[in-house]
Amino acid sequence: MSEKSRRILGAAFGAGMGLLYALVAQLINPLFLPGVPLYPSPSGRLMAVLFSTLLGGVLGLVAAWPEDAVPGVILSAITGIVLTTLYSVYGPGQANAPLAPTFVVFVFTFLPRALLFVPLAILVRWLLSKWSNELQSTNYSVRKMLLSLVAVLAIAGLAGLLSLYPQGGRAALRSMDAIIQAGLAASRTGKLPSELQSVDGFLQEAQGAYTLQLSDNADFLNVPVPTPSYSENQYTVLALFDSGFRFGCVFFSSGSQAACSAY
């Protein structure tokens, strides 16, 4: 396989993996939570898929650029870590941050991101090796080449399943949606669900469409949250209305009543 062909195929393989990963990651939660208005990514689902496809193409190109596999894998992983760090700090929906916080994000997320990008680069190099060896054979098999490609793309798609919210989180999102629907149907404070009795301004300000976001941070909600037991999980769900009104609830896996407040 020529140098040019190796690099073109590397970019194509990486773009395909990025596309499959993003499609699954962006669609898996809406598929499991039909009818629940989930908060989209700041750039929107389409832009997130396009960014992931472009990023995969760039990383695949970098992985395939050197003739030797090991330098390509290392360079590709570092490139991915740097680009995603910059995107998470300066991308859509993010406020411009000085250099110091960017460096902190880079350091503290280096290993988790490496665990994502190193396997991607390894898969690209493995697929290039399989195709190169197959094409060098006088009786090369298109079927074997396609099967190896499908296997790699399937792995990328399966990685997107990691974006699925946990079962308890999905239950919390459904409960939050039901609470809001009951609250919007109420005509006065006494008719509100018990969870919304403590949410100031819900009847007056909760207007228009809303979206729900699962969060792992309940500290900014002004609600008493007990320390969970070893077997109990807490899930925080944030609601944002078109009117600008927002509130959040903390749900407990034990089934006890959610604690809610505006924020």
Protein backbone atom coordinates (compact mmCIF):
# COMPACT_ATOMS: atom_id res chain seq x y z
CA MET A 1 0.00 0.00 0.00
CA SER A 2 1.39 3.40 -0.97
CA GLU A 3 1.95 6.17 1.54
CA LYS A 4 -0.81 8.29 0.01
CA SER A 5 -3.31 5.41 0.03
CA ARG A 6 -2.47 4.60 3.66
CA ARG A 7 -3.15 8.15 4.78
CA ILE A 8 -6.37 8.52 2.78
CA LEU A 9 -7.70 5.23 4.11
CA GLY A 10 -6.65 6.16 7.65
CA ALA A 11 -8.65 9.40 7.44
CA ALA A 12 -11.65 7.55 5.97
CA PHE A 13 -11.55 4.83 8.62
CA GLY A 14 -11.27 7.39 11.42
CA ALA A 15 -14.13 9.49 10.00
CA GLY A 16 -16.33 6.40 9.75
CA MET A 17 -15.61 5.44 13.35
CA GLY A 18 -16.29 8.99 14.54
CA LEU A 19 -19.57 9.06 12.62
CA LEU A 20 -20.83 5.72 14.01
CA TYR A 21 -19.78 6.64 17.54
CA ALA A 22 -21.51 10.03 17.43
CA LEU A 23 -24.72 8.72 15.87
CA VAL A 24 -25.14 6.11 18.59
CA ALA A 25 -24.09 8.49 21.38
CA GLN A 26 -26.50 11.21 20.23
CA LEU A 27 -29.50 8.96 19.57
CA ILE A 28 -29.29 6.32 22.30
CA ASN A 29 -30.87 8.38 25.10
CA PRO A 30 -33.76 9.80 23.00
CA LEU A 31 -34.50 6.24 21.85
CA PHE A 32 -34.64 4.99 25.44
CA LEU A 33 -36.58 8.05 26.63
CA PRO A 34 -39.24 8.71 23.97
CA GLY A 35 -41.29 11.82 24.67
CA VAL A 36 -38.90 13.18 27.31
CA PRO A 37 -37.52 16.58 26.17
CA LEU A 38 -33.81 16.02 26.71
CA TYR A 39 -31.40 18.93 26.74
CA PRO A 40 -29.30 18.81 23.54
CA SER A 41 -25.56 19.41 23.43
CA PRO A 42 -24.65 23.13 23.24
CA SER A 43 -23.73 22.80 19.56
CA GLY A 44 -26.78 20.70 18.69
CA ARG A 45 -26.88 17.03 17.75
CA LEU A 46 -26.07 17.58 14.07
CA MET A 47 -23.00 19.69 14.83
CA ALA A 48 -21.87 17.15 17.44
CA VAL A 49 -22.05 14.38 14.82
CA LEU A 50 -20.19 16.50 12.26
CA PHE A 51 -17.50 17.43 14.79
CA SER A 52 -17.02 13.80 15.82
CA THR A 53 -16.77 12.72 12.17
CA LEU A 54 -14.24 15.44 11.38
CA LEU A 55 -12.25 14.70 14.53
CA GLY A 56 -12.19 10.98 13.70
CA GLY A 57 -10.95 11.78 10.21
CA VAL A 58 -8.15 13.99 11.53
CA LEU A 59 -7.09 11.43 14.13
CA GLY A 60 -7.20 8.62 11.59
CA LEU A 61 -5.01 10.67 9.26
CA VAL A 62 -2.51 11.39 12.03
CA ALA A 63 -2.45 7.72 13.07
CA ALA A 64 -1.75 6.67 9.48
CA TRP A 65 0.77 9.41 8.69
CA PRO A 66 4.00 7.75 9.94
CA GLU A 67 5.03 4.47 8.38
CA ASP A 68 5.51 2.89 11.82
CA ALA A 69 2.36 2.20 13.83
CA VAL A 70 3.56 3.14 17.34
CA PRO A 71 4.45 6.80 16.60
CA GLY A 72 1.17 7.16 14.72
CA VAL A 73 -0.85 5.84 17.65
CA ILE A 74 0.91 8.14 20.13
CA LEU A 75 0.62 11.24 17.93
CA SER A 76 -3.03 10.54 17.16
CA ALA A 77 -3.94 10.13 20.84
CA ILE A 78 -2.13 13.35 21.84
CA THR A 79 -3.80 15.24 18.98
CA GLY A 80 -7.21 13.99 20.09
CA ILE A 81 -6.61 14.98 23.70
CA VAL A 82 -5.47 18.48 22.74
CA LEU A 83 -8.31 19.12 20.25
CA THR A 84 -11.08 17.87 22.56
CA THR A 85 -9.66 19.84 25.48
CA LEU A 86 -9.74 23.02 23.41
CA TYR A 87 -13.26 22.21 22.20
CA SER A 88 -14.56 21.57 25.72
CA VAL A 89 -13.17 24.92 26.91
CA TYR A 90 -13.68 27.16 23.87
CA GLY A 91 -16.39 25.33 21.92
CA PRO A 92 -20.06 26.31 21.45
CA GLY A 93 -21.83 27.16 24.68
CA GLN A 94 -18.57 27.67 26.56
CA ALA A 95 -17.26 30.96 27.87
CA ASN A 96 -13.74 31.89 26.81
CA ALA A 97 -11.34 30.72 29.48
CA PRO A 98 -7.78 31.83 30.23
CA LEU A 99 -4.83 29.54 29.59
CA ALA A 100 -4.48 28.26 33.18
CA PRO A 101 -7.93 26.57 33.41
CA THR A 102 -7.38 25.08 29.96
CA PHE A 103 -4.13 23.53 31.17
CA VAL A 104 -5.89 22.17 34.28
CA VAL A 105 -8.59 20.54 32.13
CA PHE A 106 -5.88 19.05 29.91
CA VAL A 107 -3.98 17.54 32.86
CA PHE A 108 -6.96 16.14 34.75
CA THR A 109 -8.65 14.65 31.67
CA PHE A 110 -5.48 13.35 30.00
CA LEU A 111 -5.83 9.70 31.06
CA PRO A 112 -9.61 9.38 30.49
CA ARG A 113 -9.27 10.85 27.01
CA ALA A 114 -6.24 8.71 26.28
CA LEU A 115 -8.35 5.63 27.06
CA LEU A 116 -10.66 6.73 24.25
CA PHE A 117 -8.20 7.88 21.60
CA VAL A 118 -5.46 5.25 21.93
CA PRO A 119 -7.87 2.38 21.04
CA LEU A 120 -9.21 4.43 18.10
CA ALA A 121 -5.69 4.88 16.70
CA ILE A 122 -4.84 1.22 17.32
CA LEU A 123 -7.97 0.12 15.44
CA VAL A 124 -7.10 2.38 12.50
CA ARG A 125 -3.57 0.95 12.28
CA TRP A 126 -4.87 -2.62 12.68
CA LEU A 127 -7.37 -2.12 9.88
CA LEU A 128 -4.71 -0.58 7.64
CA SER A 129 -2.45 -3.54 8.31
CA LYS A 130 -5.22 -6.03 7.51
CA TRP A 131 -6.07 -4.29 4.25
CA SER A 132 -2.42 -3.87 3.26
CA ASN A 133 -1.64 -7.56 3.86
CA GLU A 134 -4.77 -8.61 2.03
CA LEU A 135 -4.06 -6.42 -1.00
CA GLN A 136 -0.54 -7.80 -1.25
CA SER A 137 -1.97 -11.28 -1.73
CA THR A 138 -2.58 -12.43 -5.28
CA ASN A 139 -5.90 -13.89 -4.13
CA TYR A 140 -7.05 -11.06 -1.90
CA SER A 141 -10.56 -11.29 -0.49
CA VAL A 142 -12.87 -8.28 -0.66
CA ARG A 143 -15.15 -10.11 1.76
CA LYS A 144 -12.41 -10.30 4.43
CA MET A 145 -11.62 -6.63 3.96
CA LEU A 146 -15.26 -5.64 4.35
CA LEU A 147 -15.70 -7.87 7.40
CA SER A 148 -12.73 -6.25 9.14
CA LEU A 149 -14.14 -2.80 8.32
CA VAL A 150 -17.59 -3.74 9.65
CA ALA A 151 -16.02 -5.12 12.83
CA VAL A 152 -14.14 -1.88 13.51
CA LEU A 153 -17.19 0.28 12.81
CA ALA A 154 -19.29 -1.94 15.07
CA ILE A 155 -16.78 -1.44 17.89
CA ALA A 156 -17.07 2.33 17.41
CA GLY A 157 -20.86 2.08 17.53
CA LEU A 158 -20.74 -0.04 20.69
CA ALA A 159 -18.50 2.58 22.32
CA GLY A 160 -21.31 5.08 21.74
CA LEU A 161 -23.54 2.96 23.99
CA LEU A 162 -21.46 4.20 26.92
CA SER A 163 -23.38 7.49 26.58
CA LEU A 164 -26.61 5.80 27.68
CA TYR A 165 -27.86 7.23 30.98
CA PRO A 166 -27.97 4.70 33.83
CA GLN A 167 -31.31 3.09 34.59
CA GLY A 168 -31.79 5.20 37.72
CA GLY A 169 -31.03 8.36 35.78
CA ARG A 170 -33.55 7.47 33.10
CA ALA A 171 -36.17 6.81 35.78
CA ALA A 172 -35.39 10.22 37.33
CA LEU A 173 -35.83 11.97 33.97
CA ARG A 174 -39.20 10.29 33.42
CA SER A 175 -40.33 11.22 36.93
CA MET A 176 -39.23 14.83 36.44
CA ASP A 177 -41.18 15.05 33.18
CA ALA A 178 -44.30 13.68 34.88
CA ILE A 179 -43.92 16.13 37.79
CA ILE A 180 -43.61 19.09 35.41
CA GLN A 181 -46.63 18.00 33.36
CA ALA A 182 -48.70 17.73 36.54
CA GLY A 183 -47.43 21.14 37.66
CA LEU A 184 -48.29 22.80 34.36
CA ALA A 185 -51.83 21.44 34.65
CA ALA A 186 -52.28 22.93 38.14
CA SER A 187 -54.31 26.14 38.47
CA ARG A 188 -53.10 27.15 41.92
CA THR A 189 -50.33 26.38 44.39
CA GLY A 190 -52.41 23.93 46.36
CA LYS A 191 -52.88 21.81 43.26
CA LEU A 192 -49.16 21.52 42.55
CA PRO A 193 -47.42 18.17 43.06
CA SER A 194 -45.81 17.99 46.49
CA GLU A 195 -42.33 18.12 44.93
CA LEU A 196 -43.11 21.54 43.41
CA GLN A 197 -44.62 23.11 46.54
CA SER A 198 -41.17 24.39 47.52
CA VAL A 199 -40.20 25.67 44.06
CA ASP A 200 -40.67 29.44 44.14
CA GLY A 201 -42.30 30.96 41.07
CA PHE A 202 -43.24 27.76 39.27
CA LEU A 203 -46.86 28.74 38.55
CA GLN A 204 -45.95 32.26 37.46
CA GLU A 205 -42.72 31.69 35.53
CA ALA A 206 -42.72 28.12 34.19
CA GLN A 207 -43.88 29.06 30.70
CA GLY A 208 -43.26 27.61 27.25
CA ALA A 209 -41.35 24.50 26.24
CA TYR A 210 -38.71 22.99 28.51
CA THR A 211 -35.76 20.64 28.37
CA LEU A 212 -34.36 18.26 30.99
CA GLN A 213 -30.72 17.59 31.77
CA LEU A 214 -29.25 14.87 33.97
CA SER A 215 -26.52 16.28 36.21
CA ASP A 216 -24.09 14.88 38.76
CA ASN A 217 -23.97 18.09 40.79
CA ALA A 218 -26.69 18.94 43.30
CA ASP A 219 -24.62 21.43 45.30
CA PHE A 220 -26.14 24.55 43.68
CA LEU A 221 -29.69 23.46 44.53
CA ASN A 222 -30.97 24.87 47.79
CA VAL A 223 -32.35 21.56 49.04
CA PRO A 224 -31.41 19.33 51.97
CA VAL A 225 -29.70 16.32 50.42
CA PRO A 226 -28.81 13.55 52.87
CA THR A 227 -25.59 11.62 52.46
CA PRO A 228 -26.55 8.56 50.41
CA SER A 229 -26.02 5.11 51.82
CA TYR A 230 -23.67 2.68 50.12
CA SER A 231 -26.54 1.10 48.18
CA GLU A 232 -28.39 4.32 47.29
CA ASN A 233 -27.75 6.60 44.33
CA GLN A 234 -28.82 10.20 43.83
CA TYR A 235 -29.74 11.70 40.47
CA THR A 236 -30.09 15.42 39.85
CA VAL A 237 -32.35 16.56 37.01
CA LEU A 238 -32.36 20.18 35.84
CA ALA A 239 -35.28 21.76 33.98
CA LEU A 240 -34.88 24.84 31.77
CA PHE A 241 -37.93 26.63 30.32
CA ASP A 242 -38.04 28.88 27.27
CA SER A 243 -39.13 31.69 29.59
CA GLY A 244 -35.78 31.48 31.39
CA PHE A 245 -37.22 29.87 34.51
CA ARG A 246 -35.25 26.90 35.77
CA PHE A 247 -35.29 24.54 38.69
CA GLY A 248 -33.88 21.18 39.67
CA CYS A 249 -34.78 18.09 41.64
CA VAL A 250 -32.71 15.46 43.39
CA PHE A 251 -34.12 11.94 43.08
CA PHE A 252 -33.20 9.02 45.30
CA SER A 253 -32.98 5.38 44.25
CA SER A 254 -34.76 4.41 47.46
CA GLY A 255 -37.95 5.88 45.99
CA SER A 256 -38.34 8.62 48.60
CA GLN A 257 -39.83 11.94 47.47
CA ALA A 258 -37.60 14.13 45.31
CA ALA A 259 -36.26 17.38 46.76
CA CYS A 260 -36.69 20.35 44.38
CA SER A 261 -35.83 24.05 44.25
CA ALA A 262 -35.32 26.85 41.77
CA TYR A 263 -31.75 27.89 41.03
